[in-house]
Amino acid sequence: MKEQIDYLSSISFTVTYIGIESDENGILEGNYKFIFSSPESILCISNLRDMLTPHAYKNLELLVVDEAVIYWNDLSAL
């Protein structure tokens, strides 16, 4: 996922990810065209409903949910 984010950023797309250090305010403000996440990260967001409002996704072109398990062999990550 990091390689995809780095590549899209390098060709001037606004891209972020949902995770521990994500820019939730930027996502809520609709600042990104591409958002990447893992299933477990997207489910842990306390304001997920706010991120699904029309204002938050006005510029969003693609929401990618990738990598079913972030940390393989780490059951505590589930």
C-alpha atoms as a PDB file:
ATOM      1  CA  MET A   1       0.000   0.000   0.000  1.00  0.00           C
ATOM      2  CA  LYS A   2       2.845   2.408   0.824  1.00  0.00           C
ATOM      3  CA  GLU A   3       4.316   2.016  -2.661  1.00  0.00           C
ATOM      4  CA  GLN A   4       0.982   2.928  -4.237  1.00  0.00           C
ATOM      5  CA  ILE A   5       0.616   5.988  -2.017  1.00  0.00           C
ATOM      6  CA  ASP A   6       4.191   7.119  -2.727  1.00  0.00           C
ATOM      7  CA  TYR A   7       3.715   6.672  -6.476  1.00  0.00           C
ATOM      8  CA  LEU A   8       0.437   8.605  -6.623  1.00  0.00           C
ATOM      9  CA  SER A   9       1.949  11.386  -4.495  1.00  0.00           C
ATOM     10  CA  SER A  10       4.940  11.582  -6.825  1.00  0.00           C
ATOM     11  CA  ILE A  11       2.663  12.317  -9.784  1.00  0.00           C
ATOM     12  CA  SER A  12       0.795  15.054  -7.894  1.00  0.00           C
ATOM     13  CA  PHE A  13      -2.326  13.236  -6.742  1.00  0.00           C
ATOM     14  CA  THR A  14      -3.727  14.023  -3.318  1.00  0.00           C
ATOM     15  CA  VAL A  15      -3.555  10.714  -1.498  1.00  0.00           C
ATOM     16  CA  THR A  16      -3.605   9.518   2.111  1.00  0.00           C
ATOM     17  CA  TYR A  17      -4.288   6.459   4.182  1.00  0.00           C
ATOM     18  CA  ILE A  18      -6.449   5.664   7.164  1.00  0.00           C
ATOM     19  CA  GLY A  19      -4.326   4.425  10.024  1.00  0.00           C
ATOM     20  CA  ILE A  20      -2.685   5.416  13.282  1.00  0.00           C
ATOM     21  CA  GLU A  21      -1.111   8.602  11.884  1.00  0.00           C
ATOM     22  CA  SER A  22      -3.711   9.472   9.259  1.00  0.00           C
ATOM     23  CA  ASP A  23      -4.902  12.983   8.476  1.00  0.00           C
ATOM     24  CA  GLU A  24      -8.496  12.549   9.664  1.00  0.00           C
ATOM     25  CA  ASN A  25      -9.174  16.300   9.481  1.00  0.00           C
ATOM     26  CA  GLY A  26      -7.989  16.412   5.877  1.00  0.00           C
ATOM     27  CA  ILE A  27     -10.180  13.432   5.051  1.00  0.00           C
ATOM     28  CA  LEU A  28     -13.204  15.069   6.719  1.00  0.00           C
ATOM     29  CA  GLU A  29     -12.543  18.269   4.744  1.00  0.00           C
ATOM     30  CA  GLY A  30     -12.477  16.363   1.447  1.00  0.00           C
ATOM     31  CA  ASN A  31      -8.834  17.118   0.656  1.00  0.00           C
ATOM     32  CA  TYR A  32      -7.984  13.787  -0.985  1.00  0.00           C
ATOM     33  CA  LYS A  33      -8.749  12.092  -4.303  1.00  0.00           C
ATOM     34  CA  PHE A  34      -7.458   8.695  -3.164  1.00  0.00           C
ATOM     35  CA  ILE A  35      -7.740   7.122   0.278  1.00  0.00           C
ATOM     36  CA  PHE A  36      -6.190   3.782   1.172  1.00  0.00           C
ATOM     37  CA  SER A  37      -6.997   1.667   4.215  1.00  0.00           C
ATOM     38  CA  SER A  38      -6.907  -1.814   5.612  1.00  0.00           C
ATOM     39  CA  PRO A  39     -10.228  -3.307   6.738  1.00  0.00           C
ATOM     40  CA  GLU A  40      -9.246  -3.250  10.412  1.00  0.00           C
ATOM     41  CA  SER A  41      -8.103   0.382  10.249  1.00  0.00           C
ATOM     42  CA  ILE A  42     -11.264   1.627   8.610  1.00  0.00           C
ATOM     43  CA  LEU A  43     -13.406  -0.146  11.204  1.00  0.00           C
ATOM     44  CA  CYS A  44     -11.495   1.443  14.102  1.00  0.00           C
ATOM     45  CA  ILE A  45     -12.263   5.027  13.094  1.00  0.00           C
ATOM     46  CA  SER A  46     -14.505   6.675  15.658  1.00  0.00           C
ATOM     47  CA  ASN A  47     -15.919   9.205  13.195  1.00  0.00           C
ATOM     48  CA  LEU A  48     -16.303   6.881  10.202  1.00  0.00           C
ATOM     49  CA  ARG A  49     -19.833   8.140   9.520  1.00  0.00           C
ATOM     50  CA  ASP A  50     -18.526  11.705   9.256  1.00  0.00           C
ATOM     51  CA  MET A  51     -16.036  10.548   6.636  1.00  0.00           C
ATOM     52  CA  LEU A  52     -18.906   9.206   4.540  1.00  0.00           C
ATOM     53  CA  THR A  53     -20.788  12.513   4.283  1.00  0.00           C
ATOM     54  CA  PRO A  54     -21.044  14.253   0.891  1.00  0.00           C
ATOM     55  CA  HIS A  55     -18.764  17.080   2.054  1.00  0.00           C
ATOM     56  CA  ALA A  56     -16.016  14.688   3.134  1.00  0.00           C
ATOM     57  CA  TYR A  57     -15.963  12.794  -0.142  1.00  0.00           C
ATOM     58  CA  LYS A  58     -16.649  15.659  -2.574  1.00  0.00           C
ATOM     59  CA  ASN A  59     -13.218  15.214  -4.209  1.00  0.00           C
ATOM     60  CA  LEU A  60     -12.817  11.510  -3.499  1.00  0.00           C
ATOM     61  CA  GLU A  61     -12.373   9.397  -6.601  1.00  0.00           C
ATOM     62  CA  LEU A  62     -11.279   6.114  -5.050  1.00  0.00           C
ATOM     63  CA  LEU A  63     -11.385   4.454  -1.639  1.00  0.00           C
ATOM     64  CA  VAL A  64      -9.120   1.410  -1.613  1.00  0.00           C
ATOM     65  CA  VAL A  65      -9.450  -1.210   1.115  1.00  0.00           C
ATOM     66  CA  ASP A  66      -6.385  -3.390   0.793  1.00  0.00           C
ATOM     67  CA  GLU A  67      -4.314  -5.881   2.772  1.00  0.00           C
ATOM     68  CA  ALA A  68      -6.761  -7.880   4.839  1.00  0.00           C
ATOM     69  CA  VAL A  69      -4.239  -8.208   7.669  1.00  0.00           C
ATOM     70  CA  ILE A  70      -1.674  -5.465   8.253  1.00  0.00           C
ATOM     71  CA  TYR A  71       0.615  -7.461  10.530  1.00  0.00           C
ATOM     72  CA  TRP A  72       0.874 -11.103   9.578  1.00  0.00           C
ATOM     73  CA  ASN A  73       1.535 -13.476  12.476  1.00  0.00           C
ATOM     74  CA  ASP A  74       0.392 -10.845  14.968  1.00  0.00           C
ATOM     75  CA  LEU A  75      -2.999 -11.903  16.269  1.00  0.00           C
ATOM     76  CA  SER A  76      -3.219  -8.824  18.488  1.00  0.00           C
ATOM     77  CA  ALA A  77      -3.584  -6.709  15.320  1.00  0.00           C
ATOM     78  CA  LEU A  78      -6.921  -8.364  14.642  1.00  0.00           C
END
